[in-house]
Amino acid sequence: MNHLSNKTTIAIMVFYSFLTFFLGPYVSGMVLKNNPNHDVIGFAVGFVVSVILWVKIGRGYITK
């Protein structure tokens, strides 16, 4: 499990979790006030952004 090899990668993963489970639904709730599924949309958008950030930036922090 290389992704848990140091404190930097753990902090990055905590940030991605925060983005997926808290920030995404919060922002989508503000933007999509009248949509009853704004929380699901927020989870999905937060997840996609987290995966893109991991592929583009996060992988470079893994130590082998």
N, C-alpha and C. Protein backbone atom coordinates (compact mmCIF):
# COMPACT_ATOMS: atom_id res chain seq x y z
N MET A 1 0.83 -1.17 0.00
CA MET A 1 0.00 0.00 0.00
C MET A 1 0.88 1.24 0.00
N ASN A 2 1.38 1.57 -1.15
CA ASN A 2 2.27 2.72 -1.28
C ASN A 2 1.58 4.04 -0.99
N HIS A 3 0.26 4.10 -1.18
CA HIS A 3 -0.43 5.37 -0.98
C HIS A 3 -0.52 5.77 0.49
N LEU A 4 -0.22 4.89 1.40
CA LEU A 4 -0.19 5.23 2.83
C LEU A 4 1.23 5.23 3.37
N SER A 5 2.18 5.55 2.50
CA SER A 5 3.58 5.42 2.88
C SER A 5 4.14 6.61 3.65
N ASN A 6 3.53 7.78 3.55
CA ASN A 6 4.03 8.91 4.31
C ASN A 6 2.89 9.88 4.65
N LYS A 7 3.19 10.84 5.48
CA LYS A 7 2.16 11.76 5.98
C LYS A 7 1.63 12.68 4.89
N THR A 8 2.44 13.00 3.91
CA THR A 8 1.99 13.87 2.83
C THR A 8 0.88 13.22 2.03
N THR A 9 1.07 11.96 1.64
CA THR A 9 0.03 11.29 0.86
C THR A 9 -1.23 11.06 1.68
N ILE A 10 -1.09 10.81 2.97
CA ILE A 10 -2.26 10.66 3.83
C ILE A 10 -3.02 11.98 3.90
N ALA A 11 -2.32 13.09 4.03
CA ALA A 11 -2.97 14.40 4.06
C ALA A 11 -3.67 14.70 2.73
N ILE A 12 -3.05 14.32 1.63
CA ILE A 12 -3.67 14.52 0.32
C ILE A 12 -4.95 13.71 0.22
N MET A 13 -4.93 12.48 0.69
CA MET A 13 -6.12 11.63 0.63
C MET A 13 -7.23 12.14 1.56
N VAL A 14 -6.86 12.70 2.69
CA VAL A 14 -7.87 13.31 3.57
C VAL A 14 -8.50 14.51 2.87
N PHE A 15 -7.70 15.30 2.18
CA PHE A 15 -8.24 16.42 1.41
C PHE A 15 -9.21 15.95 0.33
N TYR A 16 -8.85 14.88 -0.39
CA TYR A 16 -9.75 14.35 -1.42
C TYR A 16 -11.05 13.84 -0.80
N SER A 17 -10.96 13.23 0.36
CA SER A 17 -12.17 12.77 1.05
C SER A 17 -13.05 13.96 1.45
N PHE A 18 -12.43 15.00 1.96
CA PHE A 18 -13.17 16.21 2.31
C PHE A 18 -13.85 16.80 1.08
N LEU A 19 -13.13 16.83 -0.03
CA LEU A 19 -13.67 17.35 -1.28
C LEU A 19 -14.86 16.53 -1.74
N THR A 20 -14.76 15.20 -1.65
CA THR A 20 -15.82 14.32 -2.13
C THR A 20 -17.04 14.34 -1.22
N PHE A 21 -16.84 14.23 0.08
CA PHE A 21 -17.96 14.00 1.00
C PHE A 21 -18.51 15.25 1.66
N PHE A 22 -17.80 16.37 1.62
CA PHE A 22 -18.28 17.57 2.28
C PHE A 22 -18.38 18.76 1.34
N LEU A 23 -17.30 19.10 0.68
CA LEU A 23 -17.28 20.30 -0.14
C LEU A 23 -18.15 20.17 -1.39
N GLY A 24 -18.08 19.05 -2.07
CA GLY A 24 -18.90 18.84 -3.26
C GLY A 24 -20.39 18.95 -2.98
N PRO A 25 -20.92 18.20 -2.00
CA PRO A 25 -22.34 18.33 -1.69
C PRO A 25 -22.73 19.72 -1.16
N TYR A 26 -21.85 20.36 -0.42
CA TYR A 26 -22.15 21.70 0.09
C TYR A 26 -22.29 22.71 -1.04
N VAL A 27 -21.33 22.70 -1.97
CA VAL A 27 -21.37 23.64 -3.09
C VAL A 27 -22.55 23.33 -4.01
N SER A 28 -22.81 22.05 -4.27
CA SER A 28 -23.94 21.72 -5.14
C SER A 28 -25.26 22.10 -4.47
N GLY A 29 -25.34 22.05 -3.16
CA GLY A 29 -26.54 22.49 -2.46
C GLY A 29 -26.77 23.98 -2.61
N MET A 30 -25.69 24.74 -2.65
CA MET A 30 -25.83 26.19 -2.85
C MET A 30 -26.21 26.52 -4.29
N VAL A 31 -25.67 25.77 -5.23
CA VAL A 31 -25.89 26.06 -6.65
C VAL A 31 -27.24 25.51 -7.12
N LEU A 32 -27.57 24.30 -6.71
CA LEU A 32 -28.78 23.62 -7.18
C LEU A 32 -29.83 23.57 -6.07
N LYS A 33 -30.28 24.70 -5.63
CA LYS A 33 -31.20 24.76 -4.49
C LYS A 33 -32.51 24.05 -4.73
N ASN A 34 -33.03 24.10 -5.94
CA ASN A 34 -34.34 23.53 -6.23
C ASN A 34 -34.29 22.08 -6.69
N ASN A 35 -33.12 21.53 -6.85
CA ASN A 35 -32.99 20.15 -7.29
C ASN A 35 -32.99 19.23 -6.07
N PRO A 36 -33.90 18.25 -6.03
CA PRO A 36 -33.94 17.37 -4.85
C PRO A 36 -32.75 16.42 -4.75
N ASN A 37 -32.00 16.26 -5.82
CA ASN A 37 -30.84 15.35 -5.83
C ASN A 37 -29.52 16.10 -5.80
N HIS A 38 -29.51 17.29 -5.24
CA HIS A 38 -28.28 18.07 -5.26
C HIS A 38 -27.15 17.41 -4.47
N ASP A 39 -27.48 16.65 -3.44
CA ASP A 39 -26.43 15.99 -2.67
C ASP A 39 -25.76 14.87 -3.46
N VAL A 40 -26.55 14.10 -4.20
CA VAL A 40 -25.99 13.02 -5.02
C VAL A 40 -25.11 13.61 -6.12
N ILE A 41 -25.58 14.68 -6.72
CA ILE A 41 -24.79 15.35 -7.76
C ILE A 41 -23.49 15.88 -7.16
N GLY A 42 -23.54 16.42 -5.95
CA GLY A 42 -22.34 16.91 -5.29
C GLY A 42 -21.34 15.82 -4.99
N PHE A 43 -21.83 14.65 -4.53
CA PHE A 43 -20.93 13.52 -4.30
C PHE A 43 -20.25 13.11 -5.60
N ALA A 44 -21.02 13.03 -6.68
CA ALA A 44 -20.48 12.59 -7.95
C ALA A 44 -19.45 13.58 -8.49
N VAL A 45 -19.78 14.86 -8.44
CA VAL A 45 -18.84 15.88 -8.93
C VAL A 45 -17.58 15.91 -8.06
N GLY A 46 -17.75 15.84 -6.74
CA GLY A 46 -16.59 15.81 -5.85
C GLY A 46 -15.71 14.60 -6.10
N PHE A 47 -16.33 13.46 -6.37
CA PHE A 47 -15.57 12.24 -6.66
C PHE A 47 -14.78 12.39 -7.96
N VAL A 48 -15.42 12.90 -8.98
CA VAL A 48 -14.74 13.06 -10.27
C VAL A 48 -13.58 14.04 -10.15
N VAL A 49 -13.78 15.14 -9.45
CA VAL A 49 -12.69 16.11 -9.26
C VAL A 49 -11.55 15.47 -8.46
N SER A 50 -11.89 14.69 -7.44
CA SER A 50 -10.85 14.02 -6.64
C SER A 50 -10.04 13.04 -7.47
N VAL A 51 -10.71 12.27 -8.32
CA VAL A 51 -9.99 11.31 -9.17
C VAL A 51 -9.10 12.04 -10.16
N ILE A 52 -9.60 13.10 -10.75
CA ILE A 52 -8.77 13.86 -11.70
C ILE A 52 -7.55 14.45 -11.00
N LEU A 53 -7.75 15.01 -9.81
CA LEU A 53 -6.61 15.55 -9.06
C LEU A 53 -5.61 14.46 -8.69
N TRP A 54 -6.11 13.28 -8.31
CA TRP A 54 -5.22 12.19 -7.96
C TRP A 54 -4.40 11.75 -9.16
N VAL A 55 -5.04 11.60 -10.32
CA VAL A 55 -4.33 11.14 -11.51
C VAL A 55 -3.32 12.17 -11.97
N LYS A 56 -3.69 13.45 -11.93
CA LYS A 56 -2.80 14.49 -12.44
C LYS A 56 -1.71 14.90 -11.45
N ILE A 57 -2.04 14.97 -10.16
CA ILE A 57 -1.11 15.54 -9.18
C ILE A 57 -0.71 14.54 -8.11
N GLY A 58 -1.67 13.85 -7.53
CA GLY A 58 -1.43 13.03 -6.36
C GLY A 58 -0.47 11.87 -6.55
N ARG A 59 -0.50 11.27 -7.71
CA ARG A 59 0.39 10.12 -7.95
C ARG A 59 1.87 10.48 -7.79
N GLY A 60 2.20 11.71 -8.07
CA GLY A 60 3.60 12.14 -7.98
C GLY A 60 4.13 12.16 -6.55
N TYR A 61 3.26 12.10 -5.56
CA TYR A 61 3.68 12.14 -4.16
C TYR A 61 3.91 10.76 -3.56
N ILE A 62 3.62 9.72 -4.31
CA ILE A 62 3.80 8.36 -3.79
C ILE A 62 5.29 8.04 -3.74
N THR A 63 5.74 7.54 -2.59
CA THR A 63 7.13 7.10 -2.48
C THR A 63 7.18 5.60 -2.60
N LYS A 64 8.17 5.12 -3.28
CA LYS A 64 8.29 3.67 -3.50
C LYS A 64 9.40 3.09 -2.68
